[in-house]
Amino acid sequence: MAGHYASLSGADEAALATTPTEELLGLDVVTAIGDDAQSAYIVSKRANHLRVQAAALAWNLCGARVNSVSPGVISTAMAKAEAESPSGEHMLKMLDACGAGRTGTPGEIAEVVAFLVGPGAPYITGTDLLVDGGQAAWIRWHRPR
């Protein structure tokens, strides 16, 4: 869900969407990040969304679709490690505050992917499906500043 927090210029988004893979690390939007791991993570996830959008036409012309899925906090070893880290208390409070009150499950993400690749989603392409129990919406619109 981190890609949904990015606030980039149109020019930076266009560059992330269309620059050949081997040239991405040289983009100004990437080099400006420096050693900020959180910003790097957010920009890399936003780049995934943008590249899916940019690739949709080519895949459509081949008779295929391309999408991405952005999970929120999912009950995995990574989420368990984060919950036990110094930022864990914040993460757990966010889950309660956003209304979900829990982590998602790997099975819930699998169901979303099964839907996207199945017969019920032939008109869905070039998009990112946010599956986060409302976390991104809470962060954007309801989190106390």
Protein backbone atom coordinates (compact mmCIF):
# COMPACT_ATOMS: atom_id res chain seq x y z
CA MET A 1 0.00 0.00 0.00
CA ALA A 2 3.05 2.26 0.29
CA GLY A 3 2.83 3.33 -3.34
CA HIS A 4 -0.47 5.00 -2.57
CA TYR A 5 1.33 7.46 -0.26
CA ALA A 6 3.64 8.83 -2.94
CA SER A 7 3.30 12.44 -3.92
CA LEU A 8 5.31 12.87 -7.10
CA SER A 9 5.22 15.35 -9.95
CA GLY A 10 3.66 14.36 -13.26
CA ALA A 11 7.08 14.46 -14.87
CA ASP A 12 8.56 12.14 -12.24
CA GLU A 13 5.63 9.74 -12.61
CA ALA A 14 6.00 9.72 -16.39
CA ALA A 15 9.71 8.98 -16.06
CA LEU A 16 9.12 6.14 -13.59
CA ALA A 17 6.44 4.69 -15.88
CA THR A 18 8.36 4.73 -19.14
CA THR A 19 12.10 4.74 -18.51
CA PRO A 20 13.82 1.51 -19.53
CA THR A 21 14.47 -0.68 -16.49
CA GLU A 22 18.26 -0.46 -16.75
CA GLU A 23 18.05 3.37 -16.54
CA LEU A 24 15.68 3.73 -13.56
CA LEU A 25 18.41 4.15 -10.95
CA GLY A 26 19.70 7.22 -12.79
CA LEU A 27 16.41 9.16 -12.64
CA ASP A 28 16.46 12.37 -10.61
CA VAL A 29 13.44 11.22 -8.60
CA VAL A 30 15.40 8.11 -7.58
CA THR A 31 18.81 9.70 -6.93
CA ALA A 32 17.18 12.44 -4.81
CA ILE A 33 16.08 9.79 -2.31
CA GLY A 34 19.62 9.22 -1.08
CA ASP A 35 19.74 6.82 1.86
CA ASP A 36 16.12 7.30 2.98
CA ALA A 37 14.87 3.70 3.04
CA GLN A 38 11.23 4.62 3.64
CA SER A 39 11.13 7.04 0.70
CA ALA A 40 12.88 4.48 -1.50
CA TYR A 41 10.25 1.88 -0.60
CA ILE A 42 7.36 4.27 -1.30
CA VAL A 43 8.77 5.44 -4.64
CA SER A 44 9.56 1.88 -5.74
CA LYS A 45 6.01 0.77 -5.00
CA ARG A 46 4.58 3.80 -6.82
CA ALA A 47 6.81 2.95 -9.77
CA ASN A 48 5.23 -0.53 -9.84
CA HIS A 49 1.76 1.03 -10.14
CA LEU A 50 2.88 3.40 -12.87
CA ARG A 51 4.66 0.73 -14.88
CA VAL A 52 1.54 -1.47 -14.76
CA GLN A 53 -0.52 1.44 -16.10
CA ALA A 54 2.00 2.16 -18.84
CA ALA A 55 2.20 -1.50 -19.88
CA ALA A 56 -1.56 -2.05 -20.09
CA LEU A 57 -1.98 -1.03 -23.73
CA ALA A 58 0.76 -3.34 -25.00
CA TRP A 59 -0.68 -6.24 -23.02
CA ASN A 60 -4.22 -5.45 -24.19
CA LEU A 61 -3.02 -5.60 -27.80
CA CYS A 62 -1.62 -9.06 -27.07
CA GLY A 63 -4.93 -10.18 -25.56
CA ALA A 64 -3.69 -10.15 -21.99
CA ARG A 65 -4.11 -8.01 -18.89
CA VAL A 66 -1.66 -6.61 -16.35
CA ASN A 67 -2.48 -5.46 -12.83
CA SER A 68 -0.83 -5.15 -9.45
CA VAL A 69 -2.03 -5.80 -5.92
CA SER A 70 -1.08 -3.64 -2.93
CA PRO A 71 -1.62 -5.52 0.31
CA GLY A 72 -1.80 -3.79 3.64
CA VAL A 73 -0.46 -5.41 6.80
CA ILE A 74 -0.82 -9.13 6.15
CA SER A 75 -0.29 -11.85 8.75
CA THR A 76 3.13 -13.01 7.58
CA ALA A 77 6.55 -13.44 9.13
CA MET A 78 7.43 -9.92 7.92
CA ALA A 79 4.39 -8.40 9.69
CA LYS A 80 5.18 -10.39 12.84
CA ALA A 81 8.74 -9.05 12.82
CA GLU A 82 7.46 -5.50 12.33
CA ALA A 83 4.93 -5.93 15.16
CA GLU A 84 7.80 -6.93 17.43
CA SER A 85 10.01 -4.03 16.29
CA PRO A 86 10.09 -0.49 17.71
CA SER A 87 7.46 0.58 15.14
CA GLY A 88 5.18 -2.34 15.98
CA GLU A 89 3.03 -0.48 18.48
CA HIS A 90 2.34 2.21 15.88
CA MET A 91 1.39 -0.40 13.27
CA LEU A 92 -1.02 -2.16 15.63
CA LYS A 93 -2.64 1.13 16.69
CA MET A 94 -3.09 2.02 13.00
CA LEU A 95 -4.88 -1.28 12.36
CA ASP A 96 -7.28 -0.56 15.21
CA ALA A 97 -7.80 3.07 14.20
CA CYS A 98 -8.55 2.33 10.53
CA GLY A 99 -11.48 0.14 11.49
CA ALA A 100 -10.13 -3.20 10.32
CA GLY A 101 -8.84 -4.04 13.79
CA ARG A 102 -6.72 -6.88 12.44
CA THR A 103 -4.13 -7.88 9.92
CA GLY A 104 -5.18 -9.34 6.61
CA THR A 105 -4.50 -12.96 5.78
CA PRO A 106 -2.49 -14.49 2.96
CA GLY A 107 -5.69 -16.27 1.93
CA GLU A 108 -7.48 -12.94 1.46
CA ILE A 109 -4.73 -11.77 -0.88
CA ALA A 110 -4.87 -15.09 -2.75
CA GLU A 111 -8.63 -14.61 -3.24
CA VAL A 112 -8.04 -11.15 -4.73
CA VAL A 113 -5.41 -12.50 -7.13
CA ALA A 114 -7.69 -15.41 -8.08
CA PHE A 115 -10.43 -12.89 -8.88
CA LEU A 116 -8.10 -10.74 -10.99
CA VAL A 117 -6.89 -13.67 -13.08
CA GLY A 118 -10.27 -15.35 -13.25
CA PRO A 119 -13.26 -15.04 -15.54
CA GLY A 120 -14.95 -12.34 -13.44
CA ALA A 121 -12.36 -9.66 -14.14
CA PRO A 122 -11.75 -9.53 -17.91
CA TYR A 123 -12.27 -5.76 -18.03
CA ILE A 124 -9.78 -4.97 -15.24
CA THR A 125 -6.35 -4.04 -16.51
CA GLY A 126 -3.70 -1.40 -15.94
CA THR A 127 -4.67 -0.85 -12.34
CA ASP A 128 -3.57 -1.51 -8.80
CA LEU A 129 -5.96 -3.15 -6.37
CA LEU A 130 -5.46 -1.86 -2.82
CA VAL A 131 -6.30 -4.59 -0.31
CA ASP A 132 -5.52 -3.06 3.06
CA GLY A 133 -8.58 -3.07 5.29
CA GLY A 134 -8.87 0.70 4.86
CA GLN A 135 -5.39 1.55 6.11
CA ALA A 136 -4.41 3.86 3.25
CA ALA A 137 -7.74 5.70 3.45
CA TRP A 138 -7.32 6.19 7.19
CA ILE A 139 -3.77 7.47 6.77
CA ARG A 140 -4.78 9.90 4.02
CA TRP A 141 -8.04 11.21 5.49
CA HIS A 142 -8.35 10.42 9.19
CA ARG A 143 -4.94 10.09 10.82
CA PRO A 144 -4.35 12.84 13.36
CA ARG A 145 -1.63 15.18 12.12
